[in-house]
Amino acid sequence: MRTHFALVALAAGAMSFGQIMNVTAIALEKKVSIQSGGSVYDNRVSPYFTSGVRPPRALDDAVLTAGSTNFTCIEFGMNLSAADAALSVSVGFFETVNYGAAVGTLNTGFLGAFLVSFSPIGAGGSYTSGLIDFTGVIPGGITVADGNLGVDLIFFNAAGALSTTTTVLFAGGGPTVGSSVDAYARDVNGNGQYDPGEARFFNGPPNLANFYMRLTPEPSTYAAMATGLFGILGLRRRRK
């Protein structure tokens, strides 16, 4: 039995609230276990934590494992401080992330994006999206020539505004497949982009600034079924 996700493809700069309100939501289910076979990037090892400022929009870099340039599925984590009647997440992909950029934005080379919704989420806590196959809205998946990638997560509430309860979840153990710089970016000034100076980190191990995230070229039968809630003990909030 495959879970059917409500996905909407987004063009660059087209992440309007009107589009988000048209998405049909799915319910989260309890996640039984984590499988890792076939990943081209995998960062899901504890400690799990959030930023103390709980940004509703954040950006992370990922370097796919050697020789891998394509993926069609993503799993990401999130943390809710309270119940949310409906939650929509925009997932965007970029060719380049430069945390030290002096001008322009930290992410360049838009590759594609989609929107997925979950409803209802009956309690606060830490959740995983489960493995989402997005080829229905981005045919062929995402291909990056050199294996370098930027992933942008934006959390919206039921009214289509930026969420005040939901933020990205970090897994500070470090990637077990692929690699990532110990940094991420958040939209500090709320202008809808990542400007120079908006990069952040968590002062190194054991809390590396990398999203809880997995990328795979295709879902396994089990992973395609599994979405939802997973219990995370020892969740930490960091100030950065």
Protein backbone atom coordinates (compact mmCIF):
# COMPACT_ATOMS: atom_id res chain seq x y z
CA MET A 1 0.00 0.00 0.00
CA ARG A 2 1.53 3.26 -1.11
CA THR A 3 0.80 6.57 0.58
CA HIS A 4 -0.36 9.23 -1.86
CA PHE A 5 1.00 12.66 -1.05
CA ALA A 6 -0.64 15.93 -2.04
CA LEU A 7 2.09 17.68 -4.02
CA VAL A 8 2.11 20.90 -6.01
CA ALA A 9 5.00 21.91 -8.26
CA LEU A 10 6.30 25.43 -7.71
CA ALA A 11 8.15 27.60 -10.18
CA ALA A 12 10.92 29.91 -9.01
CA GLY A 13 9.43 32.82 -7.09
CA ALA A 14 5.94 31.32 -7.24
CA MET A 15 5.48 30.31 -3.61
CA SER A 16 2.27 32.26 -3.10
CA PHE A 17 -0.15 31.71 -0.24
CA GLY A 18 -2.99 31.16 -2.72
CA GLN A 19 -1.30 28.08 -4.15
CA ILE A 20 -0.68 26.67 -0.70
CA MET A 21 -4.34 26.93 0.29
CA ASN A 22 -5.29 24.72 -2.68
CA VAL A 23 -3.30 21.72 -1.46
CA THR A 24 -5.17 18.70 -0.09
CA ALA A 25 -3.56 17.51 3.13
CA ILE A 26 -2.69 14.00 4.27
CA ALA A 27 -2.61 12.56 7.76
CA LEU A 28 0.62 11.63 9.47
CA GLU A 29 1.06 8.02 10.57
CA LYS A 30 3.31 6.52 13.20
CA LYS A 31 6.70 5.59 11.80
CA VAL A 32 7.76 2.06 12.73
CA SER A 33 11.45 2.10 11.83
CA ILE A 34 14.11 3.87 9.79
CA GLN A 35 15.58 2.22 6.71
CA SER A 36 18.77 3.59 5.13
CA GLY A 37 19.51 1.47 2.07
CA GLY A 38 19.91 3.25 -1.25
CA SER A 39 20.39 6.77 0.10
CA VAL A 40 22.59 9.26 -1.77
CA TYR A 41 22.49 11.54 1.30
CA ASP A 42 21.46 10.57 4.82
CA ASN A 43 21.62 12.62 8.02
CA ARG A 44 19.29 11.17 10.66
CA VAL A 45 21.59 10.37 13.58
CA SER A 46 21.01 11.96 17.02
CA PRO A 47 21.29 14.32 18.83
CA TYR A 48 18.05 15.89 17.56
CA PHE A 49 17.44 19.56 18.28
CA THR A 50 16.00 22.83 17.02
CA SER A 51 17.19 26.40 16.83
CA GLY A 52 16.07 28.48 19.80
CA VAL A 53 14.63 31.13 17.46
CA ARG A 54 12.59 28.45 15.60
CA PRO A 55 12.81 29.89 12.06
CA PRO A 56 9.89 28.95 9.74
CA ARG A 57 12.26 29.15 6.75
CA ALA A 58 15.73 27.59 6.62
CA LEU A 59 18.37 26.46 4.11
CA ASP A 60 20.97 23.69 4.29
CA ASP A 61 23.62 22.31 1.96
CA ALA A 62 24.14 18.66 1.04
CA VAL A 63 26.85 16.90 -0.94
CA LEU A 64 25.64 13.61 -2.42
CA THR A 65 27.75 10.50 -2.02
CA ALA A 66 30.53 10.10 -4.62
CA GLY A 67 29.23 9.40 -8.12
CA SER A 68 25.60 10.30 -7.30
CA THR A 69 23.94 13.21 -9.05
CA ASN A 70 20.20 12.39 -9.06
CA PHE A 71 17.47 11.75 -6.49
CA THR A 72 13.69 11.46 -6.65
CA CYS A 73 12.65 11.24 -2.99
CA ILE A 74 13.25 13.24 0.17
CA GLU A 75 12.59 12.76 3.86
CA PHE A 76 12.91 15.70 6.26
CA GLY A 77 12.20 16.40 9.91
CA MET A 78 10.21 19.10 11.69
CA ASN A 79 9.37 20.12 15.25
CA LEU A 80 6.05 21.57 16.41
CA SER A 81 5.78 23.55 19.62
CA ALA A 82 1.99 23.03 19.61
CA ALA A 83 -0.74 21.24 17.67
CA ASP A 84 -1.36 22.45 14.12
CA ALA A 85 -4.69 21.99 12.34
CA ALA A 86 -2.91 22.02 8.97
CA LEU A 87 0.69 22.38 7.93
CA SER A 88 2.15 22.94 4.46
CA VAL A 89 5.85 22.68 3.65
CA SER A 90 7.53 24.10 0.57
CA VAL A 91 10.63 22.10 -0.39
CA GLY A 92 12.98 23.87 -2.81
CA PHE A 93 16.22 22.72 -4.44
CA PHE A 94 19.20 24.84 -5.55
CA GLU A 95 22.50 24.15 -7.30
CA THR A 96 24.70 26.16 -4.95
CA VAL A 97 24.87 27.27 -1.32
CA ASN A 98 27.59 29.75 -0.39
CA TYR A 99 27.43 30.64 3.30
CA GLY A 100 30.19 33.22 2.86
CA ALA A 101 28.62 35.13 -0.04
CA ALA A 102 29.28 38.86 0.20
CA VAL A 103 26.55 39.97 -2.22
CA GLY A 104 23.30 38.58 -3.64
CA THR A 105 21.81 35.55 -1.88
CA LEU A 106 23.38 32.50 -0.27
CA ASN A 107 21.49 30.08 -2.57
CA THR A 108 21.60 30.23 -6.37
CA GLY A 109 20.62 28.08 -9.34
CA PHE A 110 16.97 27.17 -8.72
CA LEU A 111 16.32 23.52 -9.71
CA GLY A 112 12.69 23.00 -8.70
CA ALA A 113 10.29 22.86 -5.77
CA PHE A 114 7.14 21.20 -4.55
CA LEU A 115 4.61 21.66 -1.76
CA VAL A 116 3.31 18.96 0.58
CA SER A 117 0.68 19.27 3.32
CA PHE A 118 -0.05 17.33 6.49
CA SER A 119 -3.28 17.56 8.48
CA PRO A 120 -4.16 17.39 11.25
CA ILE A 121 -1.19 17.20 13.58
CA GLY A 122 -2.77 16.71 16.95
CA ALA A 123 0.13 17.51 19.27
CA GLY A 124 3.45 19.24 19.45
CA GLY A 125 6.60 17.18 19.06
CA SER A 126 9.13 16.00 16.51
CA TYR A 127 7.97 14.48 13.23
CA THR A 128 9.36 13.08 10.00
CA SER A 129 7.72 13.60 6.64
CA GLY A 130 8.42 10.02 5.68
CA LEU A 131 10.00 9.35 2.30
CA ILE A 132 8.24 11.51 -0.32
CA ASP A 133 8.45 10.60 -4.01
CA PHE A 134 8.06 13.93 -5.84
CA THR A 135 8.49 12.73 -9.44
CA GLY A 136 4.79 13.33 -10.06
CA VAL A 137 5.46 17.07 -10.00
CA ILE A 138 9.20 17.14 -10.88
CA PRO A 139 9.54 14.45 -13.58
CA GLY A 140 12.86 12.65 -13.39
CA GLY A 141 13.62 14.09 -9.97
CA ILE A 142 16.48 16.48 -9.24
CA THR A 143 19.85 16.20 -10.98
CA VAL A 144 22.91 18.18 -9.88
CA ALA A 145 25.96 17.98 -12.10
CA ASP A 146 28.58 18.02 -9.34
CA GLY A 147 26.61 16.42 -6.50
CA ASN A 148 26.31 19.70 -4.55
CA LEU A 149 22.85 20.82 -3.49
CA GLY A 150 20.92 23.36 -1.44
CA VAL A 151 17.59 22.45 0.22
CA ASP A 152 15.17 25.16 1.32
CA LEU A 153 12.32 24.31 3.76
CA ILE A 154 9.49 26.78 4.38
CA PHE A 155 6.71 25.98 6.87
CA PHE A 156 3.21 27.47 6.47
CA ASN A 157 0.14 27.30 8.71
CA ALA A 158 -3.48 26.63 7.73
CA ALA A 159 -4.01 30.29 6.82
CA GLY A 160 -1.08 30.23 4.37
CA ALA A 161 1.15 32.42 6.53
CA LEU A 162 4.57 31.46 7.83
CA SER A 163 4.12 29.06 10.72
CA THR A 164 4.74 30.27 14.28
CA THR A 165 4.67 26.72 15.69
CA THR A 166 6.74 24.65 13.27
CA THR A 167 10.44 24.72 12.47
CA VAL A 168 13.12 22.55 10.91
CA LEU A 169 14.59 19.64 12.86
CA PHE A 170 18.36 19.11 13.02
CA ALA A 171 20.21 15.80 13.40
CA GLY A 172 23.59 16.65 14.87
CA GLY A 173 25.35 13.33 14.48
CA GLY A 174 26.63 14.21 11.02
CA PRO A 175 25.73 12.63 7.65
CA THR A 176 26.24 8.87 7.38
CA VAL A 177 25.96 9.12 3.58
CA GLY A 178 27.31 12.17 1.76
CA SER A 179 28.49 15.28 3.60
CA SER A 180 27.43 18.77 4.65
CA VAL A 181 29.08 21.95 5.92
CA ASP A 182 28.52 22.56 9.65
CA ALA A 183 26.25 25.54 8.96
CA TYR A 184 22.76 26.48 7.81
CA ALA A 185 20.95 29.72 6.98
CA ARG A 186 17.71 31.22 8.25
CA ASP A 187 15.74 34.17 6.94
CA VAL A 188 16.52 36.54 9.83
CA ASN A 189 15.02 39.74 8.39
CA GLY A 190 11.93 38.06 6.91
CA ASN A 191 12.45 39.34 3.37
CA GLY A 192 11.88 35.93 1.80
CA GLN A 193 15.48 35.17 0.86
CA TYR A 194 18.82 34.24 2.42
CA ASP A 195 21.06 37.27 2.54
CA PRO A 196 24.80 37.50 3.30
CA GLY A 197 25.29 37.27 7.05
CA GLU A 198 22.27 34.97 7.63
CA ALA A 199 24.35 31.79 8.02
CA ARG A 200 24.36 30.13 11.45
CA PHE A 201 26.04 27.22 13.25
CA PHE A 202 25.84 25.49 16.65
CA ASN A 203 29.45 25.57 17.84
CA GLY A 204 30.36 22.14 16.52
CA PRO A 205 29.92 18.58 17.83
CA PRO A 206 27.75 17.12 19.14
CA ASN A 207 25.33 19.58 17.52
CA LEU A 208 26.23 19.96 13.85
CA ALA A 209 24.00 22.39 11.93
CA ASN A 210 22.59 19.89 9.44
CA PHE A 211 18.93 19.16 8.70
CA TYR A 212 17.40 15.81 9.59
CA MET A 213 17.19 14.73 5.95
CA ARG A 214 17.46 11.79 3.59
CA LEU A 215 17.66 11.81 -0.24
CA THR A 216 17.19 8.67 -2.34
CA PRO A 217 17.00 7.89 -6.07
CA GLU A 218 13.89 5.75 -5.59
CA PRO A 219 11.71 4.62 -2.67
CA SER A 220 11.62 1.11 -1.34
CA THR A 221 8.16 -0.41 -0.97
CA TYR A 222 8.31 -0.01 2.79
CA ALA A 223 9.67 3.52 2.76
CA ALA A 224 6.96 4.65 0.35
CA MET A 225 4.38 3.48 2.87
CA ALA A 226 5.92 5.04 5.94
CA THR A 227 5.12 8.57 6.91
CA GLY A 228 4.71 10.23 10.18
CA LEU A 229 5.34 10.64 13.81
CA PHE A 230 8.44 9.32 15.47
CA GLY A 231 9.44 9.70 19.09
CA ILE A 232 12.65 11.61 19.67
CA LEU A 233 14.11 11.66 23.15
CA GLY A 234 16.47 14.35 24.31
CA LEU A 235 15.35 17.03 21.85
CA ARG A 236 17.46 20.13 22.36
CA ARG A 237 16.95 23.76 21.49
CA ARG A 238 19.92 25.79 20.43
CA ARG A 239 20.11 29.57 20.42
CA LYS A 240 21.65 30.13 16.98
